[in-house]
Amino acid sequence: MALVASEHDNEVRLFGRCNRRIAERVSLAEIFNELARYFNGEGGGHATAAALSVKERIDITTLLFKALNSIEQKLHVKTIRIND
């Protein structure tokens, strides 16, 4: 699974991809829809690919950690965080 976040003007975007084996346990579309409600944004997609757009200034790190925490809870695993 990979998550990538970026800022464009006053919009924050999050993109996610995963393989079918992971998608059998957790749907990225479901996770991103939950994040959209939490951050007052728009999100959706498919079990293996999803996107989120938030038209407010929010901290990208906060968004990524919220996404990772949700994924960890649903998969019952601890994720590895790689940041630049």
PDB file of N, CA and C in Angstrom:
ATOM      1  N   MET A   1       0.846  -1.168   0.000  1.00  0.00           N
ATOM      2  CA  MET A   1       0.000   0.000   0.000  1.00  0.00           C
ATOM      3  C   MET A   1       0.890   1.229   0.000  1.00  0.00           C
ATOM      4  N   ALA A   2       0.445   2.233  -0.732  1.00  0.00           N
ATOM      5  CA  ALA A   2       1.174   3.498  -0.774  1.00  0.00           C
ATOM      6  C   ALA A   2       0.189   4.647  -0.644  1.00  0.00           C
ATOM      7  N   LEU A   3       0.571   5.651   0.135  1.00  0.00           N
ATOM      8  CA  LEU A   3      -0.199   6.878   0.282  1.00  0.00           C
ATOM      9  C   LEU A   3       0.712   8.046  -0.079  1.00  0.00           C
ATOM     10  N   VAL A   4       0.181   8.979  -0.859  1.00  0.00           N
ATOM     11  CA  VAL A   4       0.941  10.168  -1.247  1.00  0.00           C
ATOM     12  C   VAL A   4       0.049  11.379  -1.041  1.00  0.00           C
ATOM     13  N   ALA A   5       0.559  12.386  -0.350  1.00  0.00           N
ATOM     14  CA  ALA A   5      -0.197  13.621  -0.105  1.00  0.00           C
ATOM     15  C   ALA A   5       0.546  14.793  -0.725  1.00  0.00           C
ATOM     16  N   SER A   6      -0.224  15.792  -1.169  1.00  0.00           N
ATOM     17  CA  SER A   6       0.378  16.990  -1.753  1.00  0.00           C
ATOM     18  C   SER A   6      -0.512  18.197  -1.492  1.00  0.00           C
ATOM     19  N   GLU A   7       0.108  19.370  -1.594  1.00  0.00           N
ATOM     20  CA  GLU A   7      -0.611  20.635  -1.448  1.00  0.00           C
ATOM     21  C   GLU A   7      -0.605  21.363  -2.780  1.00  0.00           C
ATOM     22  N   HIS A   8      -1.754  21.904  -3.155  1.00  0.00           N
ATOM     23  CA  HIS A   8      -1.890  22.706  -4.373  1.00  0.00           C
ATOM     24  C   HIS A   8      -2.749  23.913  -4.020  1.00  0.00           C
ATOM     25  N   ASP A   9      -2.143  25.103  -4.005  1.00  0.00           N
ATOM     26  CA  ASP A   9      -2.834  26.326  -3.609  1.00  0.00           C
ATOM     27  C   ASP A   9      -3.467  26.118  -2.234  1.00  0.00           C
ATOM     28  N   ASN A  10      -4.793  26.206  -2.119  1.00  0.00           N
ATOM     29  CA  ASN A  10      -5.474  26.014  -0.841  1.00  0.00           C
ATOM     30  C   ASN A  10      -6.168  24.660  -0.783  1.00  0.00           C
ATOM     31  N   GLU A  11      -5.582  23.668  -1.419  1.00  0.00           N
ATOM     32  CA  GLU A  11      -6.173  22.336  -1.463  1.00  0.00           C
ATOM     33  C   GLU A  11      -5.121  21.295  -1.095  1.00  0.00           C
ATOM     34  N   VAL A  12      -5.534  20.324  -0.297  1.00  0.00           N
ATOM     35  CA  VAL A  12      -4.677  19.195   0.047  1.00  0.00           C
ATOM     36  C   VAL A  12      -5.264  17.957  -0.602  1.00  0.00           C
ATOM     37  N   ARG A  13      -4.405  17.151  -1.219  1.00  0.00           N
ATOM     38  CA  ARG A  13      -4.861  15.939  -1.899  1.00  0.00           C
ATOM     39  C   ARG A  13      -4.123  14.733  -1.331  1.00  0.00           C
ATOM     40  N   LEU A  14      -4.848  13.631  -1.266  1.00  0.00           N
ATOM     41  CA  LEU A  14      -4.280  12.369  -0.814  1.00  0.00           C
ATOM     42  C   LEU A  14      -4.660  11.297  -1.827  1.00  0.00           C
ATOM     43  N   PHE A  15      -3.677  10.516  -2.240  1.00  0.00           N
ATOM     44  CA  PHE A  15      -3.905   9.424  -3.174  1.00  0.00           C
ATOM     45  C   PHE A  15      -3.433   8.134  -2.532  1.00  0.00           C
ATOM     46  N   GLY A  16      -4.156   7.058  -2.769  1.00  0.00           N
ATOM     47  CA  GLY A  16      -3.768   5.773  -2.213  1.00  0.00           C
ATOM     48  C   GLY A  16      -3.904   4.658  -3.231  1.00  0.00           C
ATOM     49  N   ARG A  17      -3.013   3.690  -3.134  1.00  0.00           N
ATOM     50  CA  ARG A  17      -3.046   2.505  -3.995  1.00  0.00           C
ATOM     51  C   ARG A  17      -2.674   1.295  -3.143  1.00  0.00           C
ATOM     52  N   CYS A  18      -3.283   0.158  -3.459  1.00  0.00           N
ATOM     53  CA  CYS A  18      -2.910  -1.086  -2.805  1.00  0.00           C
ATOM     54  C   CYS A  18      -3.207  -2.256  -3.737  1.00  0.00           C
ATOM     55  N   ASN A  19      -2.687  -3.422  -3.390  1.00  0.00           N
ATOM     56  CA  ASN A  19      -2.945  -4.592  -4.218  1.00  0.00           C
ATOM     57  C   ASN A  19      -4.263  -5.259  -3.793  1.00  0.00           C
ATOM     58  N   ARG A  20      -4.702  -6.206  -4.582  1.00  0.00           N
ATOM     59  CA  ARG A  20      -5.989  -6.877  -4.315  1.00  0.00           C
ATOM     60  C   ARG A  20      -5.979  -7.654  -3.004  1.00  0.00           C
ATOM     61  N   ARG A  21      -4.843  -8.214  -2.644  1.00  0.00           N
ATOM     62  CA  ARG A  21      -4.756  -8.978  -1.396  1.00  0.00           C
ATOM     63  C   ARG A  21      -5.070  -8.087  -0.192  1.00  0.00           C
ATOM     64  N   ILE A  22      -4.549  -6.886  -0.188  1.00  0.00           N
ATOM     65  CA  ILE A  22      -4.850  -5.940   0.902  1.00  0.00           C
ATOM     66  C   ILE A  22      -6.297  -5.474   0.796  1.00  0.00           C
ATOM     67  N   ALA A  23      -6.756  -5.204  -0.424  1.00  0.00           N
ATOM     68  CA  ALA A  23      -8.123  -4.710  -0.634  1.00  0.00           C
ATOM     69  C   ALA A  23      -9.176  -5.716  -0.185  1.00  0.00           C
ATOM     70  N   GLU A  24      -8.821  -6.992  -0.102  1.00  0.00           N
ATOM     71  CA  GLU A  24      -9.756  -7.987   0.421  1.00  0.00           C
ATOM     72  C   GLU A  24     -10.015  -7.777   1.905  1.00  0.00           C
ATOM     73  N   ARG A  25      -9.079  -7.095   2.585  1.00  0.00           N
ATOM     74  CA  ARG A  25      -9.208  -6.843   4.024  1.00  0.00           C
ATOM     75  C   ARG A  25      -9.652  -5.426   4.353  1.00  0.00           C
ATOM     76  N   VAL A  26      -9.322  -4.474   3.476  1.00  0.00           N
ATOM     77  CA  VAL A  26      -9.694  -3.077   3.715  1.00  0.00           C
ATOM     78  C   VAL A  26      -9.848  -2.367   2.374  1.00  0.00           C
ATOM     79  N   SER A  27     -10.910  -1.603   2.235  1.00  0.00           N
ATOM     80  CA  SER A  27     -11.175  -0.852   1.015  1.00  0.00           C
ATOM     81  C   SER A  27     -10.646   0.570   1.156  1.00  0.00           C
ATOM     82  N   LEU A  28      -9.778   0.964   0.229  1.00  0.00           N
ATOM     83  CA  LEU A  28      -9.296   2.344   0.260  1.00  0.00           C
ATOM     84  C   LEU A  28     -10.437   3.331   0.060  1.00  0.00           C
ATOM     85  N   ALA A  29     -11.424   2.980  -0.749  1.00  0.00           N
ATOM     86  CA  ALA A  29     -12.574   3.870  -0.954  1.00  0.00           C
ATOM     87  C   ALA A  29     -13.278   4.135   0.372  1.00  0.00           C
ATOM     88  N   GLU A  30     -13.433   3.107   1.182  1.00  0.00           N
ATOM     89  CA  GLU A  30     -14.080   3.259   2.488  1.00  0.00           C
ATOM     90  C   GLU A  30     -13.262   4.158   3.402  1.00  0.00           C
ATOM     91  N   ILE A  31     -11.962   3.910   3.457  1.00  0.00           N
ATOM     92  CA  ILE A  31     -11.061   4.734   4.279  1.00  0.00           C
ATOM     93  C   ILE A  31     -11.112   6.190   3.830  1.00  0.00           C
ATOM     94  N   PHE A  32     -11.018   6.421   2.526  1.00  0.00           N
ATOM     95  CA  PHE A  32     -10.978   7.788   2.015  1.00  0.00           C
ATOM     96  C   PHE A  32     -12.321   8.495   2.194  1.00  0.00           C
ATOM     97  N   ASN A  33     -13.413   7.773   2.117  1.00  0.00           N
ATOM     98  CA  ASN A  33     -14.725   8.378   2.396  1.00  0.00           C
ATOM     99  C   ASN A  33     -14.815   8.802   3.853  1.00  0.00           C
ATOM    100  N   GLU A  34     -14.298   7.980   4.762  1.00  0.00           N
ATOM    101  CA  GLU A  34     -14.270   8.343   6.185  1.00  0.00           C
ATOM    102  C   GLU A  34     -13.415   9.589   6.408  1.00  0.00           C
ATOM    103  N   LEU A  35     -12.256   9.633   5.756  1.00  0.00           N
ATOM    104  CA  LEU A  35     -11.382  10.802   5.873  1.00  0.00           C
ATOM    105  C   LEU A  35     -12.052  12.054   5.308  1.00  0.00           C
ATOM    106  N   ALA A  36     -12.779  11.898   4.222  1.00  0.00           N
ATOM    107  CA  ALA A  36     -13.485  13.035   3.621  1.00  0.00           C
ATOM    108  C   ALA A  36     -14.500  13.614   4.600  1.00  0.00           C
ATOM    109  N   ARG A  37     -15.229  12.753   5.278  1.00  0.00           N
ATOM    110  CA  ARG A  37     -16.196  13.241   6.275  1.00  0.00           C
ATOM    111  C   ARG A  37     -15.474  13.926   7.429  1.00  0.00           C
ATOM    112  N   TYR A  38     -14.376  13.344   7.897  1.00  0.00           N
ATOM    113  CA  TYR A  38     -13.634  13.886   9.033  1.00  0.00           C
ATOM    114  C   TYR A  38     -13.040  15.259   8.709  1.00  0.00           C
ATOM    115  N   PHE A  39     -12.465  15.408   7.506  1.00  0.00           N
ATOM    116  CA  PHE A  39     -11.786  16.649   7.122  1.00  0.00           C
ATOM    117  C   PHE A  39     -12.656  17.579   6.281  1.00  0.00           C
ATOM    118  N   ASN A  40     -13.936  17.239   6.122  1.00  0.00           N
ATOM    119  CA  ASN A  40     -14.861  18.054   5.342  1.00  0.00           C
ATOM    120  C   ASN A  40     -14.371  18.213   3.894  1.00  0.00           C
ATOM    121  N   GLY A  41     -14.031  17.082   3.290  1.00  0.00           N
ATOM    122  CA  GLY A  41     -13.541  17.091   1.915  1.00  0.00           C
ATOM    123  C   GLY A  41     -14.361  16.160   1.040  1.00  0.00           C
ATOM    124  N   GLU A  42     -13.800  15.806  -0.090  1.00  0.00           N
ATOM    125  CA  GLU A  42     -14.432  14.879  -1.024  1.00  0.00           C
ATOM    126  C   GLU A  42     -13.479  13.725  -1.270  1.00  0.00           C
ATOM    127  N   GLY A  43     -13.984  12.494  -1.138  1.00  0.00           N
ATOM    128  CA  GLY A  43     -13.130  11.340  -1.344  1.00  0.00           C
ATOM    129  C   GLY A  43     -13.904  10.175  -1.905  1.00  0.00           C
ATOM    130  N   GLY A  44     -13.179   9.274  -2.512  1.00  0.00           N
ATOM    131  CA  GLY A  44     -13.800   8.075  -3.051  1.00  0.00           C
ATOM    132  C   GLY A  44     -12.849   7.341  -3.950  1.00  0.00           C
ATOM    133  N   GLY A  45     -13.378   6.358  -4.627  1.00  0.00           N
ATOM    134  CA  GLY A  45     -12.563   5.563  -5.533  1.00  0.00           C
ATOM    135  C   GLY A  45     -12.996   4.126  -5.509  1.00  0.00           C
ATOM    136  N   HIS A  46     -12.022   3.247  -5.471  1.00  0.00           N
ATOM    137  CA  HIS A  46     -12.250   1.806  -5.488  1.00  0.00           C
ATOM    138  C   HIS A  46     -11.487   1.178  -4.337  1.00  0.00           C
ATOM    139  N   ALA A  47     -11.678  -0.109  -4.144  1.00  0.00           N
ATOM    140  CA  ALA A  47     -10.995  -0.804  -3.057  1.00  0.00           C
ATOM    141  C   ALA A  47      -9.479  -0.707  -3.178  1.00  0.00           C
ATOM    142  N   THR A  48      -8.958  -0.696  -4.413  1.00  0.00           N
ATOM    143  CA  THR A  48      -7.507  -0.683  -4.617  1.00  0.00           C
ATOM    144  C   THR A  48      -6.919   0.687  -4.971  1.00  0.00           C
ATOM    145  N   ALA A  49      -7.770   1.680  -5.217  1.00  0.00           N
ATOM    146  CA  ALA A  49      -7.281   3.014  -5.583  1.00  0.00           C
ATOM    147  C   ALA A  49      -8.307   4.060  -5.175  1.00  0.00           C
ATOM    148  N   ALA A  50      -7.844   5.078  -4.478  1.00  0.00           N
ATOM    149  CA  ALA A  50      -8.774   6.116  -4.024  1.00  0.00           C
ATOM    150  C   ALA A  50      -8.055   7.456  -3.937  1.00  0.00           C
ATOM    151  N   ALA A  51      -8.852   8.517  -3.853  1.00  0.00           N
ATOM    152  CA  ALA A  51      -8.308   9.871  -3.753  1.00  0.00           C
ATOM    153  C   ALA A  51      -9.173  10.700  -2.820  1.00  0.00           C
ATOM    154  N   LEU A  52      -8.562  11.728  -2.261  1.00  0.00           N
ATOM    155  CA  LEU A  52      -9.234  12.633  -1.339  1.00  0.00           C
ATOM    156  C   LEU A  52      -8.783  14.047  -1.655  1.00  0.00           C
ATOM    157  N   SER A  53      -9.722  14.985  -1.622  1.00  0.00           N
ATOM    158  CA  SER A  53      -9.424  16.395  -1.828  1.00  0.00           C
ATOM    159  C   SER A  53     -10.060  17.192  -0.700  1.00  0.00           C
ATOM    160  N   VAL A  54      -9.256  18.013  -0.031  1.00  0.00           N
ATOM    161  CA  VAL A  54      -9.747  18.870   1.047  1.00  0.00           C
ATOM    162  C   VAL A  54      -9.404  20.291   0.665  1.00  0.00           C
ATOM    163  N   LYS A  55     -10.419  21.149   0.553  1.00  0.00           N
ATOM    164  CA  LYS A  55     -10.211  22.529   0.102  1.00  0.00           C
ATOM    165  C   LYS A  55     -10.023  23.475   1.281  1.00  0.00           C
ATOM    166  N   GLU A  56      -9.302  23.006   2.274  1.00  0.00           N
ATOM    167  CA  GLU A  56      -8.953  23.822   3.439  1.00  0.00           C
ATOM    168  C   GLU A  56      -7.486  23.590   3.737  1.00  0.00           C
ATOM    169  N   ARG A  57      -6.888  24.519   4.441  1.00  0.00           N
ATOM    170  CA  ARG A  57      -5.493  24.351   4.825  1.00  0.00           C
ATOM    171  C   ARG A  57      -5.437  23.407   6.012  1.00  0.00           C
ATOM    172  N   ILE A  58      -4.987  22.195   5.776  1.00  0.00           N
ATOM    173  CA  ILE A  58      -4.765  21.248   6.864  1.00  0.00           C
ATOM    174  C   ILE A  58      -3.339  20.738   6.746  1.00  0.00           C
ATOM    175  N   ASP A  59      -2.802  20.299   7.835  1.00  0.00           N
ATOM    176  CA  ASP A  59      -1.447  19.784   7.875  1.00  0.00           C
ATOM    177  C   ASP A  59      -1.398  18.418   7.191  1.00  0.00           C
ATOM    178  N   ILE A  60      -0.513  18.266   6.208  1.00  0.00           N
ATOM    179  CA  ILE A  60      -0.397  17.007   5.475  1.00  0.00           C
ATOM    180  C   ILE A  60      -0.016  15.860   6.410  1.00  0.00           C
ATOM    181  N   THR A  61       0.867  16.124   7.347  1.00  0.00           N
ATOM    182  CA  THR A  61       1.278  15.078   8.288  1.00  0.00           C
ATOM    183  C   THR A  61       0.088  14.584   9.098  1.00  0.00           C
ATOM    184  N   THR A  62      -0.756  15.500   9.530  1.00  0.00           N
ATOM    185  CA  THR A  62      -1.960  15.121  10.271  1.00  0.00           C
ATOM    186  C   THR A  62      -2.863  14.241   9.414  1.00  0.00           C
ATOM    187  N   LEU A  63      -3.048  14.622   8.170  1.00  0.00           N
ATOM    188  CA  LEU A  63      -3.870  13.839   7.249  1.00  0.00           C
ATOM    189  C   LEU A  63      -3.301  12.438   7.058  1.00  0.00           C
ATOM    190  N   LEU A  64      -1.997  12.344   6.819  1.00  0.00           N
ATOM    191  CA  LEU A  64      -1.371  11.037   6.618  1.00  0.00           C
ATOM    192  C   LEU A  64      -1.460  10.161   7.865  1.00  0.00           C
ATOM    193  N   PHE A  65      -1.213  10.747   9.032  1.00  0.00           N
ATOM    194  CA  PHE A  65      -1.301   9.960  10.264  1.00  0.00           C
ATOM    195  C   PHE A  65      -2.723   9.484  10.533  1.00  0.00           C
ATOM    196  N   LYS A  66      -3.707  10.315  10.242  1.00  0.00           N
ATOM    197  CA  LYS A  66      -5.103   9.911  10.405  1.00  0.00           C
ATOM    198  C   LYS A  66      -5.421   8.740   9.471  1.00  0.00           C
ATOM    199  N   ALA A  67      -4.958   8.820   8.230  1.00  0.00           N
ATOM    200  CA  ALA A  67      -5.172   7.736   7.267  1.00  0.00           C
ATOM    201  C   ALA A  67      -4.474   6.462   7.738  1.00  0.00           C
ATOM    202  N   LEU A  68      -3.222   6.579   8.144  1.00  0.00           N
ATOM    203  CA  LEU A  68      -2.475   5.406   8.606  1.00  0.00           C
ATOM    204  C   LEU A  68      -3.107   4.770   9.836  1.00  0.00           C
ATOM    205  N   ASN A  69      -3.559   5.589  10.766  1.00  0.00           N
ATOM    206  CA  ASN A  69      -4.201   5.050  11.966  1.00  0.00           C
ATOM    207  C   ASN A  69      -5.465   4.272  11.611  1.00  0.00           C
ATOM    208  N   SER A  70      -6.233   4.786  10.691  1.00  0.00           N
ATOM    209  CA  SER A  70      -7.449   4.100  10.264  1.00  0.00           C
ATOM    210  C   SER A  70      -7.114   2.766   9.597  1.00  0.00           C
ATOM    211  N   ILE A  71      -6.104   2.766   8.746  1.00  0.00           N
ATOM    212  CA  ILE A  71      -5.675   1.542   8.063  1.00  0.00           C
ATOM    213  C   ILE A  71      -5.149   0.525   9.075  1.00  0.00           C
ATOM    214  N   GLU A  72      -4.342   0.981  10.013  1.00  0.00           N
ATOM    215  CA  GLU A  72      -3.816   0.086  11.049  1.00  0.00           C
ATOM    216  C   GLU A  72      -4.937  -0.578  11.844  1.00  0.00           C
ATOM    217  N   GLN A  73      -5.946   0.191  12.217  1.00  0.00           N
ATOM    218  CA  GLN A  73      -7.057  -0.360  12.985  1.00  0.00           C
ATOM    219  C   GLN A  73      -7.813  -1.417  12.189  1.00  0.00           C
ATOM    220  N   LYS A  74      -8.045  -1.162  10.921  1.00  0.00           N
ATOM    221  CA  LYS A  74      -8.808  -2.102  10.102  1.00  0.00           C
ATOM    222  C   LYS A  74      -8.016  -3.369   9.761  1.00  0.00           C
ATOM    223  N   LEU A  75      -6.702  -3.239   9.588  1.00  0.00           N
ATOM    224  CA  LEU A  75      -5.863  -4.386   9.258  1.00  0.00           C
ATOM    225  C   LEU A  75      -5.276  -5.081  10.478  1.00  0.00           C
ATOM    226  N   HIS A  76      -5.360  -4.431  11.638  1.00  0.00           N
ATOM    227  CA  HIS A  76      -4.769  -4.949  12.876  1.00  0.00           C
ATOM    228  C   HIS A  76      -3.255  -5.150  12.724  1.00  0.00           C
ATOM    229  N   VAL A  77      -2.607  -4.138  12.132  1.00  0.00           N
ATOM    230  CA  VAL A  77      -1.154  -4.151  11.943  1.00  0.00           C
ATOM    231  C   VAL A  77      -0.586  -2.775  12.270  1.00  0.00           C
ATOM    232  N   LYS A  78       0.720  -2.716  12.420  1.00  0.00           N
ATOM    233  CA  LYS A  78       1.423  -1.451  12.593  1.00  0.00           C
ATOM    234  C   LYS A  78       2.119  -1.124  11.278  1.00  0.00           C
ATOM    235  N   THR A  79       1.870   0.067  10.733  1.00  0.00           N
ATOM    236  CA  THR A  79       2.458   0.442   9.452  1.00  0.00           C
ATOM    237  C   THR A  79       3.881   0.964   9.612  1.00  0.00           C
ATOM    238  N   ILE A  80       4.592   0.989   8.505  1.00  0.00           N
ATOM    239  CA  ILE A  80       5.935   1.567   8.454  1.00  0.00           C
ATOM    240  C   ILE A  80       5.796   2.953   7.833  1.00  0.00           C
ATOM    241  N   ARG A  81       6.340   3.944   8.475  1.00  0.00           N
ATOM    242  CA  ARG A  81       6.226   5.308   7.986  1.00  0.00           C
ATOM    243  C   ARG A  81       7.542   5.717   7.330  1.00  0.00           C
ATOM    244  N   ILE A  82       7.456   6.136   6.086  1.00  0.00           N
ATOM    245  CA  ILE A  82       8.620   6.638   5.352  1.00  0.00           C
ATOM    246  C   ILE A  82       8.298   8.073   4.961  1.00  0.00           C
ATOM    247  N   ASN A  83       9.150   9.002   5.387  1.00  0.00           N
ATOM    248  CA  ASN A  83       8.919  10.390   5.006  1.00  0.00           C
ATOM    249  C   ASN A  83      10.209  11.004   4.498  1.00  0.00           C
ATOM    250  N   ASP A  84      10.028  12.040   3.731  1.00  0.00           N
ATOM    251  CA  ASP A  84      11.172  12.677   3.070  1.00  0.00           C
ATOM    252  C   ASP A  84      11.559  13.924   3.782  1.00  0.00           C
TER     253      ASP A  84
END
